[in-house]
């Protein structure tokens, strides 16, 4: 697995570009907005919450993220 720091500094070339605003599927099946892509690793997208700039603690699978 790529280190978190390396993944954040690596462009998300295989998917959505860094800085793209995205929505994340929640456990109820609906989509929650307010996130942006900061990187991509083998586990999925590394995301930042826009409201406070906090990085999410785990990668989110690519099927659980959509642009918007």
Foldseek 3Di string as FASTA:
>chain_A
DDDPVVFLVDFAVVDDGFQFWKWFQDPVRDTHTQWTFRGADPQATWIARNVPRHTDPDHGHPVGMDGD
